[in-house]
Amino acid sequence: MAGPDQAARHSSEVLHQTRKGGPCPMKMAVGGIAIAATLGYFVLYSKKKPEASALDVAKVVSGVAKPENTRPR
């Protein structure tokens, strides 16, 4: 058990965070976008047609797909 001198010493300490502001909002936004893109890729990859390649799915996710990437060969 703590003695009276230890209780007095601890009662004057201030509990506070050593770093202000928390995580950087920009890093959190970039991380969120990366997670959303990864989830989107795997959802589209799991639903792709057998004749589509993984590269075709990546092109669709990134938005650079052309009709020849989305049509059967």
N, C-alpha and C. Protein backbone atom coordinates (compact mmCIF):
# COMPACT_ATOMS: atom_id res chain seq x y z
N MET A 1 0.82 -1.18 0.00
CA MET A 1 0.00 0.00 0.00
C MET A 1 0.87 1.25 0.00
N ALA A 2 0.39 2.29 -0.59
CA ALA A 2 1.16 3.53 -0.66
C ALA A 2 1.06 4.30 0.64
N GLY A 3 2.18 4.86 1.05
CA GLY A 3 2.20 5.67 2.26
C GLY A 3 1.71 7.07 1.98
N PRO A 4 1.57 7.90 3.01
CA PRO A 4 1.06 9.26 2.82
C PRO A 4 1.99 10.12 1.97
N ASP A 5 3.30 9.89 2.07
CA ASP A 5 4.22 10.71 1.27
C ASP A 5 4.12 10.35 -0.22
N GLN A 6 3.88 9.09 -0.56
CA GLN A 6 3.72 8.71 -1.95
C GLN A 6 2.39 9.22 -2.51
N ALA A 7 1.35 9.18 -1.73
CA ALA A 7 0.05 9.67 -2.18
C ALA A 7 0.12 11.18 -2.46
N ALA A 8 0.81 11.91 -1.63
CA ALA A 8 0.93 13.36 -1.83
C ALA A 8 1.76 13.65 -3.07
N ARG A 9 2.77 12.88 -3.31
CA ARG A 9 3.64 13.12 -4.46
C ARG A 9 2.87 12.82 -5.76
N HIS A 10 2.07 11.76 -5.80
CA HIS A 10 1.35 11.40 -7.00
C HIS A 10 0.13 12.28 -7.25
N SER A 11 -0.43 12.85 -6.23
CA SER A 11 -1.62 13.68 -6.43
C SER A 11 -1.29 14.99 -7.12
N SER A 12 -0.05 15.45 -7.08
CA SER A 12 0.31 16.71 -7.72
C SER A 12 0.70 16.53 -9.19
N GLU A 13 0.87 15.28 -9.64
CA GLU A 13 1.23 15.05 -11.03
C GLU A 13 0.01 15.24 -11.94
N VAL A 14 0.27 15.75 -13.11
CA VAL A 14 -0.79 15.97 -14.08
C VAL A 14 -0.74 14.87 -15.12
N LEU A 15 -1.87 14.22 -15.35
CA LEU A 15 -1.93 13.20 -16.38
C LEU A 15 -2.28 13.87 -17.70
N HIS A 16 -1.41 13.72 -18.66
CA HIS A 16 -1.67 14.32 -19.97
C HIS A 16 -0.95 13.52 -21.05
N GLN A 17 -1.37 13.77 -22.27
CA GLN A 17 -0.72 13.10 -23.38
C GLN A 17 0.59 13.82 -23.68
N THR A 18 1.58 13.04 -24.07
CA THR A 18 2.86 13.66 -24.39
C THR A 18 2.89 14.18 -25.82
N ARG A 19 2.02 13.67 -26.66
CA ARG A 19 1.97 14.10 -28.05
C ARG A 19 0.58 14.67 -28.32
N LYS A 20 0.51 15.82 -28.93
CA LYS A 20 -0.77 16.47 -29.15
C LYS A 20 -1.29 16.17 -30.55
N GLY A 21 -2.59 16.13 -30.70
CA GLY A 21 -3.21 16.01 -32.00
C GLY A 21 -3.50 14.61 -32.48
N GLY A 22 -2.87 13.63 -31.93
CA GLY A 22 -3.10 12.27 -32.38
C GLY A 22 -2.49 11.99 -33.74
N PRO A 23 -3.00 11.00 -34.45
CA PRO A 23 -2.44 10.63 -35.75
C PRO A 23 -2.67 11.73 -36.80
N CYS A 24 -1.79 11.78 -37.76
CA CYS A 24 -1.88 12.77 -38.84
C CYS A 24 -3.10 12.45 -39.72
N PRO A 25 -3.98 13.41 -39.96
CA PRO A 25 -5.16 13.16 -40.79
C PRO A 25 -4.81 12.75 -42.22
N MET A 26 -3.73 13.27 -42.77
CA MET A 26 -3.34 12.92 -44.13
C MET A 26 -2.92 11.46 -44.22
N LYS A 27 -2.16 10.99 -43.24
CA LYS A 27 -1.75 9.58 -43.23
C LYS A 27 -2.96 8.67 -43.07
N MET A 28 -3.92 9.09 -42.26
CA MET A 28 -5.13 8.29 -42.07
C MET A 28 -5.95 8.25 -43.36
N ALA A 29 -6.01 9.36 -44.08
CA ALA A 29 -6.76 9.40 -45.34
C ALA A 29 -6.11 8.50 -46.39
N VAL A 30 -4.79 8.58 -46.51
CA VAL A 30 -4.07 7.74 -47.47
C VAL A 30 -4.23 6.27 -47.10
N GLY A 31 -4.14 5.95 -45.83
CA GLY A 31 -4.33 4.57 -45.39
C GLY A 31 -5.73 4.07 -45.67
N GLY A 32 -6.73 4.92 -45.46
CA GLY A 32 -8.11 4.53 -45.74
C GLY A 32 -8.36 4.28 -47.21
N ILE A 33 -7.78 5.12 -48.05
CA ILE A 33 -7.92 4.93 -49.50
C ILE A 33 -7.24 3.64 -49.94
N ALA A 34 -6.07 3.37 -49.36
CA ALA A 34 -5.35 2.13 -49.70
C ALA A 34 -6.15 0.90 -49.28
N ILE A 35 -6.74 0.95 -48.12
CA ILE A 35 -7.55 -0.18 -47.64
C ILE A 35 -8.77 -0.36 -48.53
N ALA A 36 -9.45 0.74 -48.88
CA ALA A 36 -10.63 0.66 -49.74
C ALA A 36 -10.28 0.11 -51.12
N ALA A 37 -9.15 0.54 -51.68
CA ALA A 37 -8.73 0.04 -52.99
C ALA A 37 -8.39 -1.45 -52.93
N THR A 38 -7.75 -1.86 -51.86
CA THR A 38 -7.40 -3.28 -51.71
C THR A 38 -8.66 -4.14 -51.60
N LEU A 39 -9.60 -3.68 -50.79
CA LEU A 39 -10.86 -4.42 -50.67
C LEU A 39 -11.61 -4.46 -52.00
N GLY A 40 -11.65 -3.34 -52.71
CA GLY A 40 -12.31 -3.30 -54.00
C GLY A 40 -11.66 -4.24 -55.01
N TYR A 41 -10.33 -4.29 -55.00
CA TYR A 41 -9.62 -5.19 -55.91
C TYR A 41 -10.00 -6.64 -55.63
N PHE A 42 -9.97 -7.03 -54.36
CA PHE A 42 -10.26 -8.43 -54.04
C PHE A 42 -11.73 -8.79 -54.29
N VAL A 43 -12.63 -7.83 -54.10
CA VAL A 43 -14.05 -8.10 -54.41
C VAL A 43 -14.21 -8.31 -55.91
N LEU A 44 -13.62 -7.42 -56.71
CA LEU A 44 -13.73 -7.58 -58.16
C LEU A 44 -13.00 -8.83 -58.64
N TYR A 45 -11.86 -9.14 -58.03
CA TYR A 45 -11.10 -10.33 -58.43
C TYR A 45 -11.89 -11.61 -58.13
N SER A 46 -12.61 -11.60 -57.01
CA SER A 46 -13.38 -12.80 -56.66
C SER A 46 -14.60 -12.98 -57.57
N LYS A 47 -15.07 -11.89 -58.20
CA LYS A 47 -16.24 -11.98 -59.06
C LYS A 47 -15.89 -11.98 -60.55
N LYS A 48 -14.61 -12.01 -60.87
CA LYS A 48 -14.21 -11.91 -62.28
C LYS A 48 -14.57 -13.18 -63.07
N LYS A 49 -14.66 -13.00 -64.36
CA LYS A 49 -14.91 -14.14 -65.26
C LYS A 49 -13.61 -14.93 -65.41
N PRO A 50 -13.70 -16.21 -65.72
CA PRO A 50 -12.49 -17.03 -65.83
C PRO A 50 -11.51 -16.53 -66.89
N GLU A 51 -12.00 -15.88 -67.93
CA GLU A 51 -11.09 -15.45 -68.99
C GLU A 51 -10.38 -14.13 -68.68
N ALA A 52 -10.77 -13.45 -67.62
CA ALA A 52 -10.12 -12.20 -67.23
C ALA A 52 -8.89 -12.51 -66.39
N SER A 53 -7.85 -11.70 -66.59
CA SER A 53 -6.62 -11.89 -65.82
C SER A 53 -6.62 -10.95 -64.62
N ALA A 54 -5.67 -11.15 -63.72
CA ALA A 54 -5.53 -10.27 -62.57
C ALA A 54 -5.16 -8.86 -63.01
N LEU A 55 -4.40 -8.74 -64.09
CA LEU A 55 -4.04 -7.43 -64.61
C LEU A 55 -5.27 -6.68 -65.12
N ASP A 56 -6.19 -7.39 -65.75
CA ASP A 56 -7.44 -6.77 -66.20
C ASP A 56 -8.23 -6.21 -65.01
N VAL A 57 -8.28 -6.98 -63.93
CA VAL A 57 -8.99 -6.53 -62.73
C VAL A 57 -8.30 -5.29 -62.16
N ALA A 58 -6.97 -5.30 -62.12
CA ALA A 58 -6.24 -4.14 -61.59
C ALA A 58 -6.50 -2.90 -62.44
N LYS A 59 -6.59 -3.06 -63.76
CA LYS A 59 -6.87 -1.92 -64.63
C LYS A 59 -8.26 -1.36 -64.36
N VAL A 60 -9.24 -2.24 -64.12
CA VAL A 60 -10.60 -1.78 -63.84
C VAL A 60 -10.63 -1.04 -62.51
N VAL A 61 -9.95 -1.57 -61.49
CA VAL A 61 -9.94 -0.92 -60.17
C VAL A 61 -9.30 0.45 -60.25
N SER A 62 -8.19 0.58 -60.99
CA SER A 62 -7.49 1.86 -61.06
C SER A 62 -8.15 2.83 -62.02
N GLY A 63 -9.09 2.36 -62.85
CA GLY A 63 -9.82 3.25 -63.74
C GLY A 63 -9.16 3.49 -65.08
N VAL A 64 -8.17 2.68 -65.46
CA VAL A 64 -7.50 2.87 -66.75
C VAL A 64 -7.87 1.78 -67.75
N ALA A 65 -8.92 1.02 -67.46
CA ALA A 65 -9.33 -0.07 -68.35
C ALA A 65 -9.96 0.47 -69.63
N LYS A 66 -9.69 -0.23 -70.70
CA LYS A 66 -10.29 0.07 -71.99
C LYS A 66 -11.27 -1.05 -72.31
N PRO A 67 -12.13 -0.89 -73.30
CA PRO A 67 -13.11 -1.95 -73.60
C PRO A 67 -12.48 -3.31 -73.86
N GLU A 68 -11.28 -3.35 -74.44
CA GLU A 68 -10.66 -4.65 -74.69
C GLU A 68 -10.24 -5.35 -73.39
N ASN A 69 -10.12 -4.61 -72.27
CA ASN A 69 -9.81 -5.22 -70.98
C ASN A 69 -11.07 -5.76 -70.30
N THR A 70 -12.22 -5.28 -70.71
CA THR A 70 -13.45 -5.68 -70.02
C THR A 70 -14.30 -6.64 -70.85
N ARG A 71 -13.97 -6.85 -72.10
CA ARG A 71 -14.72 -7.75 -72.97
C ARG A 71 -13.99 -9.09 -73.08
N PRO A 72 -14.72 -10.18 -73.28
CA PRO A 72 -14.05 -11.47 -73.47
C PRO A 72 -13.18 -11.46 -74.71
N ARG A 73 -12.08 -12.20 -74.64
CA ARG A 73 -11.16 -12.25 -75.78
C ARG A 73 -11.67 -13.21 -76.82
